[in-house]
Structure formats: structure tokens, C-alpha cells
Amino acid sequence: MEQLISEIERHCAERQITPQAFLREAINASWRQWQDWKDGKASPRLETADRIRAYMRDNPPIRAAS
């Protein structure tokens, strides 16, 4: 779970969005979902984690042109 949280945080930092907004985009999660995962009150199912990772892969941060 810690690895998935780190991946989400890194992806969100690169996209400059909140994890809550990201989860809303990726899996239509409730706004509370992220905090429940961080607090250990809930955890995603394997299928959900796979969907999140696929969304991150398919929607990479836009890099500024050099």
C-alpha cells in the first residue's frame, strides 16, 4: 500500500494536482477515499490499484518543452 501511495503522490506532484482530484479522475473515487487510504482505514482492491496504475501510465504529466 505504501508503494501505491508513493506512486500516486509522485504522479500528483508532477501534474500539480491533489491526490483527491487525481483519484476522482482515475477511478471516480469519493473525496474522502485518499485520506482513508493514508490513515489505514481502507485500502484499494488489487483491481483498483491496477486501474490507478494504468491511468497513470496512460496519462503522464505533460513535460515542458526545453
PDB file of N, CA and C in Angstrom:
ATOM      1  N   MET A   1       0.824  -1.197   0.000  1.00  0.00           N
ATOM      2  CA  MET A   1       0.000   0.000   0.000  1.00  0.00           C
ATOM      3  C   MET A   1       0.865   1.256   0.000  1.00  0.00           C
ATOM      4  N   GLU A   2       1.972   1.217   0.776  1.00  0.00           N
ATOM      5  CA  GLU A   2       2.846   2.385   0.842  1.00  0.00           C
ATOM      6  C   GLU A   2       3.420   2.717  -0.528  1.00  0.00           C
ATOM      7  N   GLN A   3       3.722   1.689  -1.316  1.00  0.00           N
ATOM      8  CA  GLN A   3       4.276   1.915  -2.650  1.00  0.00           C
ATOM      9  C   GLN A   3       3.250   2.621  -3.543  1.00  0.00           C
ATOM     10  N   LEU A   4       2.013   2.169  -3.516  1.00  0.00           N
ATOM     11  CA  LEU A   4       0.974   2.796  -4.330  1.00  0.00           C
ATOM     12  C   LEU A   4       0.762   4.250  -3.907  1.00  0.00           C
ATOM     13  N   ILE A   5       0.740   4.505  -2.622  1.00  0.00           N
ATOM     14  CA  ILE A   5       0.581   5.873  -2.140  1.00  0.00           C
ATOM     15  C   ILE A   5       1.735   6.745  -2.641  1.00  0.00           C
ATOM     16  N   SER A   6       2.946   6.236  -2.577  1.00  0.00           N
ATOM     17  CA  SER A   6       4.108   6.989  -3.065  1.00  0.00           C
ATOM     18  C   SER A   6       4.007   7.266  -4.560  1.00  0.00           C
ATOM     19  N   GLU A   7       3.566   6.276  -5.313  1.00  0.00           N
ATOM     20  CA  GLU A   7       3.415   6.451  -6.760  1.00  0.00           C
ATOM     21  C   GLU A   7       2.372   7.537  -7.062  1.00  0.00           C
ATOM     22  N   ILE A   8       1.276   7.499  -6.344  1.00  0.00           N
ATOM     23  CA  ILE A   8       0.216   8.497  -6.549  1.00  0.00           C
ATOM     24  C   ILE A   8       0.724   9.881  -6.170  1.00  0.00           C
ATOM     25  N   GLU A   9       1.391   9.999  -5.031  1.00  0.00           N
ATOM     26  CA  GLU A   9       1.902  11.298  -4.598  1.00  0.00           C
ATOM     27  C   GLU A   9       2.902  11.871  -5.608  1.00  0.00           C
ATOM     28  N   ARG A  10       3.779  11.033  -6.121  1.00  0.00           N
ATOM     29  CA  ARG A  10       4.772  11.481  -7.100  1.00  0.00           C
ATOM     30  C   ARG A  10       4.072  11.944  -8.388  1.00  0.00           C
ATOM     31  N   HIS A  11       3.123  11.139  -8.856  1.00  0.00           N
ATOM     32  CA  HIS A  11       2.386  11.478 -10.070  1.00  0.00           C
ATOM     33  C   HIS A  11       1.621  12.799  -9.894  1.00  0.00           C
ATOM     34  N   CYS A  12       0.995  12.965  -8.755  1.00  0.00           N
ATOM     35  CA  CYS A  12       0.232  14.184  -8.493  1.00  0.00           C
ATOM     36  C   CYS A  12       1.142  15.401  -8.389  1.00  0.00           C
ATOM     37  N   ALA A  13       2.293  15.247  -7.781  1.00  0.00           N
ATOM     38  CA  ALA A  13       3.240  16.359  -7.687  1.00  0.00           C
ATOM     39  C   ALA A  13       3.687  16.792  -9.078  1.00  0.00           C
ATOM     40  N   GLU A  14       3.938  15.830  -9.945  1.00  0.00           N
ATOM     41  CA  GLU A  14       4.354  16.146 -11.303  1.00  0.00           C
ATOM     42  C   GLU A  14       3.238  16.806 -12.108  1.00  0.00           C
ATOM     43  N   ARG A  15       2.002  16.422 -11.842  1.00  0.00           N
ATOM     44  CA  ARG A  15       0.854  17.013 -12.549  1.00  0.00           C
ATOM     45  C   ARG A  15       0.313  18.255 -11.851  1.00  0.00           C
ATOM     46  N   GLN A  16       0.814  18.516 -10.651  1.00  0.00           N
ATOM     47  CA  GLN A  16       0.381  19.656  -9.848  1.00  0.00           C
ATOM     48  C   GLN A  16      -1.118  19.611  -9.567  1.00  0.00           C
ATOM     49  N   ILE A  17      -1.569  18.440  -9.124  1.00  0.00           N
ATOM     50  CA  ILE A  17      -2.957  18.276  -8.684  1.00  0.00           C
ATOM     51  C   ILE A  17      -2.951  17.547  -7.348  1.00  0.00           C
ATOM     52  N   THR A  18      -4.058  17.599  -6.650  1.00  0.00           N
ATOM     53  CA  THR A  18      -4.149  16.892  -5.377  1.00  0.00           C
ATOM     54  C   THR A  18      -4.432  15.412  -5.617  1.00  0.00           C
ATOM     55  N   PRO A  19      -4.025  14.568  -4.687  1.00  0.00           N
ATOM     56  CA  PRO A  19      -4.357  13.151  -4.814  1.00  0.00           C
ATOM     57  C   PRO A  19      -5.866  12.914  -4.877  1.00  0.00           C
ATOM     58  N   GLN A  20      -6.627  13.727  -4.150  1.00  0.00           N
ATOM     59  CA  GLN A  20      -8.081  13.578  -4.176  1.00  0.00           C
ATOM     60  C   GLN A  20      -8.623  13.828  -5.582  1.00  0.00           C
ATOM     61  N   ALA A  21      -8.141  14.878  -6.235  1.00  0.00           N
ATOM     62  CA  ALA A  21      -8.593  15.179  -7.596  1.00  0.00           C
ATOM     63  C   ALA A  21      -8.144  14.084  -8.569  1.00  0.00           C
ATOM     64  N   PHE A  22      -6.937  13.593  -8.367  1.00  0.00           N
ATOM     65  CA  PHE A  22      -6.431  12.527  -9.224  1.00  0.00           C
ATOM     66  C   PHE A  22      -7.296  11.269  -9.113  1.00  0.00           C
ATOM     67  N   LEU A  23      -7.597  10.859  -7.886  1.00  0.00           N
ATOM     68  CA  LEU A  23      -8.414   9.651  -7.700  1.00  0.00           C
ATOM     69  C   LEU A  23      -9.815   9.842  -8.258  1.00  0.00           C
ATOM     70  N   ARG A  24     -10.310  11.058  -8.186  1.00  0.00           N
ATOM     71  CA  ARG A  24     -11.620  11.349  -8.765  1.00  0.00           C
ATOM     72  C   ARG A  24     -11.580  11.126 -10.280  1.00  0.00           C
ATOM     73  N   GLU A  25     -10.501  11.625 -10.918  1.00  0.00           N
ATOM     74  CA  GLU A  25     -10.315  11.439 -12.365  1.00  0.00           C
ATOM     75  C   GLU A  25     -10.127   9.966 -12.730  1.00  0.00           C
ATOM     76  N   ALA A  26      -9.258   9.312 -11.982  1.00  0.00           N
ATOM     77  CA  ALA A  26      -8.821   7.962 -12.346  1.00  0.00           C
ATOM     78  C   ALA A  26      -9.882   6.891 -12.110  1.00  0.00           C
ATOM     79  N   ILE A  27     -10.548   6.965 -10.956  1.00  0.00           N
ATOM     80  CA  ILE A  27     -11.469   5.877 -10.591  1.00  0.00           C
ATOM     81  C   ILE A  27     -12.807   6.373 -10.054  1.00  0.00           C
ATOM     82  N   ASN A  28     -13.045   7.672 -10.195  1.00  0.00           N
ATOM     83  CA  ASN A  28     -14.278   8.261  -9.692  1.00  0.00           C
ATOM     84  C   ASN A  28     -14.460   8.001  -8.196  1.00  0.00           C
ATOM     85  N   ALA A  29     -13.355   8.147  -7.461  1.00  0.00           N
ATOM     86  CA  ALA A  29     -13.378   7.913  -6.016  1.00  0.00           C
ATOM     87  C   ALA A  29     -14.035   9.079  -5.287  1.00  0.00           C
ATOM     88  N   SER A  30     -14.534   8.805  -4.115  1.00  0.00           N
ATOM     89  CA  SER A  30     -15.073   9.877  -3.276  1.00  0.00           C
ATOM     90  C   SER A  30     -13.910  10.743  -2.801  1.00  0.00           C
ATOM     91  N   TRP A  31     -14.214  11.952  -2.390  1.00  0.00           N
ATOM     92  CA  TRP A  31     -13.163  12.863  -1.945  1.00  0.00           C
ATOM     93  C   TRP A  31     -12.482  12.352  -0.687  1.00  0.00           C
ATOM     94  N   ARG A  32     -13.139  11.550   0.080  1.00  0.00           N
ATOM     95  CA  ARG A  32     -12.600  11.031   1.351  1.00  0.00           C
ATOM     96  C   ARG A  32     -11.674   9.821   1.151  1.00  0.00           C
ATOM     97  N   GLN A  33     -11.754   9.179   0.016  1.00  0.00           N
ATOM     98  CA  GLN A  33     -11.030   7.928  -0.224  1.00  0.00           C
ATOM     99  C   GLN A  33      -9.532   8.042   0.060  1.00  0.00           C
ATOM    100  N   TRP A  34      -8.891   9.085  -0.439  1.00  0.00           N
ATOM    101  CA  TRP A  34      -7.449   9.247  -0.265  1.00  0.00           C
ATOM    102  C   TRP A  34      -7.075   9.274   1.211  1.00  0.00           C
ATOM    103  N   GLN A  35      -7.780  10.063   1.996  1.00  0.00           N
ATOM    104  CA  GLN A  35      -7.445  10.164   3.416  1.00  0.00           C
ATOM    105  C   GLN A  35      -7.667   8.840   4.133  1.00  0.00           C
ATOM    106  N   ASP A  36      -8.697   8.112   3.763  1.00  0.00           N
ATOM    107  CA  ASP A  36      -8.921   6.796   4.366  1.00  0.00           C
ATOM    108  C   ASP A  36      -7.763   5.851   4.060  1.00  0.00           C
ATOM    109  N   TRP A  37      -7.236   5.904   2.838  1.00  0.00           N
ATOM    110  CA  TRP A  37      -6.079   5.070   2.494  1.00  0.00           C
ATOM    111  C   TRP A  37      -4.857   5.505   3.289  1.00  0.00           C
ATOM    112  N   LYS A  38      -4.616   6.809   3.363  1.00  0.00           N
ATOM    113  CA  LYS A  38      -3.456   7.338   4.099  1.00  0.00           C
ATOM    114  C   LYS A  38      -3.536   6.988   5.580  1.00  0.00           C
ATOM    115  N   ASP A  39      -4.746   7.019   6.141  1.00  0.00           N
ATOM    116  CA  ASP A  39      -4.940   6.731   7.563  1.00  0.00           C
ATOM    117  C   ASP A  39      -4.985   5.243   7.865  1.00  0.00           C
ATOM    118  N   GLY A  40      -4.976   4.413   6.836  1.00  0.00           N
ATOM    119  CA  GLY A  40      -5.049   2.968   7.039  1.00  0.00           C
ATOM    120  C   GLY A  40      -6.440   2.467   7.370  1.00  0.00           C
ATOM    121  N   LYS A  41      -7.457   3.297   7.154  1.00  0.00           N
ATOM    122  CA  LYS A  41      -8.840   2.895   7.433  1.00  0.00           C
ATOM    123  C   LYS A  41      -9.420   2.045   6.317  1.00  0.00           C
ATOM    124  N   ALA A  42      -8.807   2.134   5.150  1.00  0.00           N
ATOM    125  CA  ALA A  42      -9.267   1.372   3.981  1.00  0.00           C
ATOM    126  C   ALA A  42      -8.065   1.153   3.071  1.00  0.00           C
ATOM    127  N   SER A  43      -8.230   0.258   2.138  1.00  0.00           N
ATOM    128  CA  SER A  43      -7.184   0.049   1.136  1.00  0.00           C
ATOM    129  C   SER A  43      -7.858  -0.381  -0.165  1.00  0.00           C
ATOM    130  N   PRO A  44      -7.205  -0.077  -1.277  1.00  0.00           N
ATOM    131  CA  PRO A  44      -7.813  -0.409  -2.564  1.00  0.00           C
ATOM    132  C   PRO A  44      -7.718  -1.899  -2.850  1.00  0.00           C
ATOM    133  N   ARG A  45      -8.671  -2.400  -3.594  1.00  0.00           N
ATOM    134  CA  ARG A  45      -8.592  -3.774  -4.086  1.00  0.00           C
ATOM    135  C   ARG A  45      -7.513  -3.824  -5.155  1.00  0.00           C
ATOM    136  N   LEU A  46      -7.018  -4.993  -5.443  1.00  0.00           N
ATOM    137  CA  LEU A  46      -5.973  -5.159  -6.448  1.00  0.00           C
ATOM    138  C   LEU A  46      -6.419  -4.607  -7.794  1.00  0.00           C
ATOM    139  N   GLU A  47      -7.671  -4.841  -8.161  1.00  0.00           N
ATOM    140  CA  GLU A  47      -8.192  -4.342  -9.428  1.00  0.00           C
ATOM    141  C   GLU A  47      -8.177  -2.817  -9.468  1.00  0.00           C
ATOM    142  N   THR A  48      -8.460  -2.192  -8.337  1.00  0.00           N
ATOM    143  CA  THR A  48      -8.444  -0.734  -8.259  1.00  0.00           C
ATOM    144  C   THR A  48      -7.031  -0.206  -8.399  1.00  0.00           C
ATOM    145  N   ALA A  49      -6.080  -0.826  -7.717  1.00  0.00           N
ATOM    146  CA  ALA A  49      -4.679  -0.417  -7.840  1.00  0.00           C
ATOM    147  C   ALA A  49      -4.210  -0.562  -9.283  1.00  0.00           C
ATOM    148  N   ASP A  50      -4.611  -1.630  -9.947  1.00  0.00           N
ATOM    149  CA  ASP A  50      -4.246  -1.829 -11.353  1.00  0.00           C
ATOM    150  C   ASP A  50      -4.842  -0.734 -12.233  1.00  0.00           C
ATOM    151  N   ARG A  51      -6.084  -0.357 -11.972  1.00  0.00           N
ATOM    152  CA  ARG A  51      -6.725   0.717 -12.744  1.00  0.00           C
ATOM    153  C   ARG A  51      -6.013   2.052 -12.535  1.00  0.00           C
ATOM    154  N   ILE A  52      -5.609   2.322 -11.293  1.00  0.00           N
ATOM    155  CA  ILE A  52      -4.895   3.565 -10.987  1.00  0.00           C
ATOM    156  C   ILE A  52      -3.565   3.601 -11.720  1.00  0.00           C
ATOM    157  N   ARG A  53      -2.821   2.507 -11.667  1.00  0.00           N
ATOM    158  CA  ARG A  53      -1.526   2.464 -12.351  1.00  0.00           C
ATOM    159  C   ARG A  53      -1.690   2.575 -13.863  1.00  0.00           C
ATOM    160  N   ALA A  54      -2.711   1.967 -14.404  1.00  0.00           N
ATOM    161  CA  ALA A  54      -2.969   2.085 -15.843  1.00  0.00           C
ATOM    162  C   ALA A  54      -3.306   3.523 -16.198  1.00  0.00           C
ATOM    163  N   TYR A  55      -4.071   4.183 -15.360  1.00  0.00           N
ATOM    164  CA  TYR A  55      -4.432   5.583 -15.608  1.00  0.00           C
ATOM    165  C   TYR A  55      -3.182   6.460 -15.579  1.00  0.00           C
ATOM    166  N   MET A  56      -2.298   6.217 -14.618  1.00  0.00           N
ATOM    167  CA  MET A  56      -1.065   6.990 -14.549  1.00  0.00           C
ATOM    168  C   MET A  56      -0.208   6.758 -15.800  1.00  0.00           C
ATOM    169  N   ARG A  57      -0.139   5.527 -16.231  1.00  0.00           N
ATOM    170  CA  ARG A  57       0.641   5.185 -17.423  1.00  0.00           C
ATOM    171  C   ARG A  57       0.049   5.860 -18.663  1.00  0.00           C
ATOM    172  N   ASP A  58      -1.257   5.854 -18.769  1.00  0.00           N
ATOM    173  CA  ASP A  58      -1.932   6.408 -19.948  1.00  0.00           C
ATOM    174  C   ASP A  58      -2.074   7.927 -19.915  1.00  0.00           C
ATOM    175  N   ASN A  59      -1.838   8.538 -18.767  1.00  0.00           N
ATOM    176  CA  ASN A  59      -1.977   9.992 -18.600  1.00  0.00           C
ATOM    177  C   ASN A  59      -0.750  10.565 -17.913  1.00  0.00           C
ATOM    178  N   PRO A  60       0.399  10.493 -18.570  1.00  0.00           N
ATOM    179  CA  PRO A  60       1.628  11.005 -17.938  1.00  0.00           C
ATOM    180  C   PRO A  60       1.577  12.518 -17.804  1.00  0.00           C
ATOM    181  N   PRO A  61       2.373  13.050 -16.871  1.00  0.00           N
ATOM    182  CA  PRO A  61       2.449  14.512 -16.755  1.00  0.00           C
ATOM    183  C   PRO A  61       2.979  15.108 -18.058  1.00  0.00           C
ATOM    184  N   ILE A  62       2.504  16.272 -18.403  1.00  0.00           N
ATOM    185  CA  ILE A  62       2.977  16.954 -19.601  1.00  0.00           C
ATOM    186  C   ILE A  62       4.278  17.647 -19.255  1.00  0.00           C
ATOM    187  N   ARG A  63       5.293  17.319 -19.991  1.00  0.00           N
ATOM    188  CA  ARG A  63       6.609  17.913 -19.763  1.00  0.00           C
ATOM    189  C   ARG A  63       6.735  19.219 -20.534  1.00  0.00           C
ATOM    190  N   ALA A  64       7.334  20.192 -19.911  1.00  0.00           N
ATOM    191  CA  ALA A  64       7.583  21.478 -20.581  1.00  0.00           C
ATOM    192  C   ALA A  64       8.657  21.285 -21.637  1.00  0.00           C
ATOM    193  N   ALA A  65       8.483  21.930 -22.764  1.00  0.00           N
ATOM    194  CA  ALA A  65       9.475  21.843 -23.832  1.00  0.00           C
ATOM    195  C   ALA A  65      10.743  22.594 -23.414  1.00  0.00           C
ATOM    196  N   SER A  66      11.881  22.006 -23.723  1.00  0.00           N
ATOM    197  CA  SER A  66      13.157  22.625 -23.378  1.00  0.00           C
ATOM    198  C   SER A  66      13.675  23.463 -24.512  1.00  0.00           C
TER     199      SER A  66
END
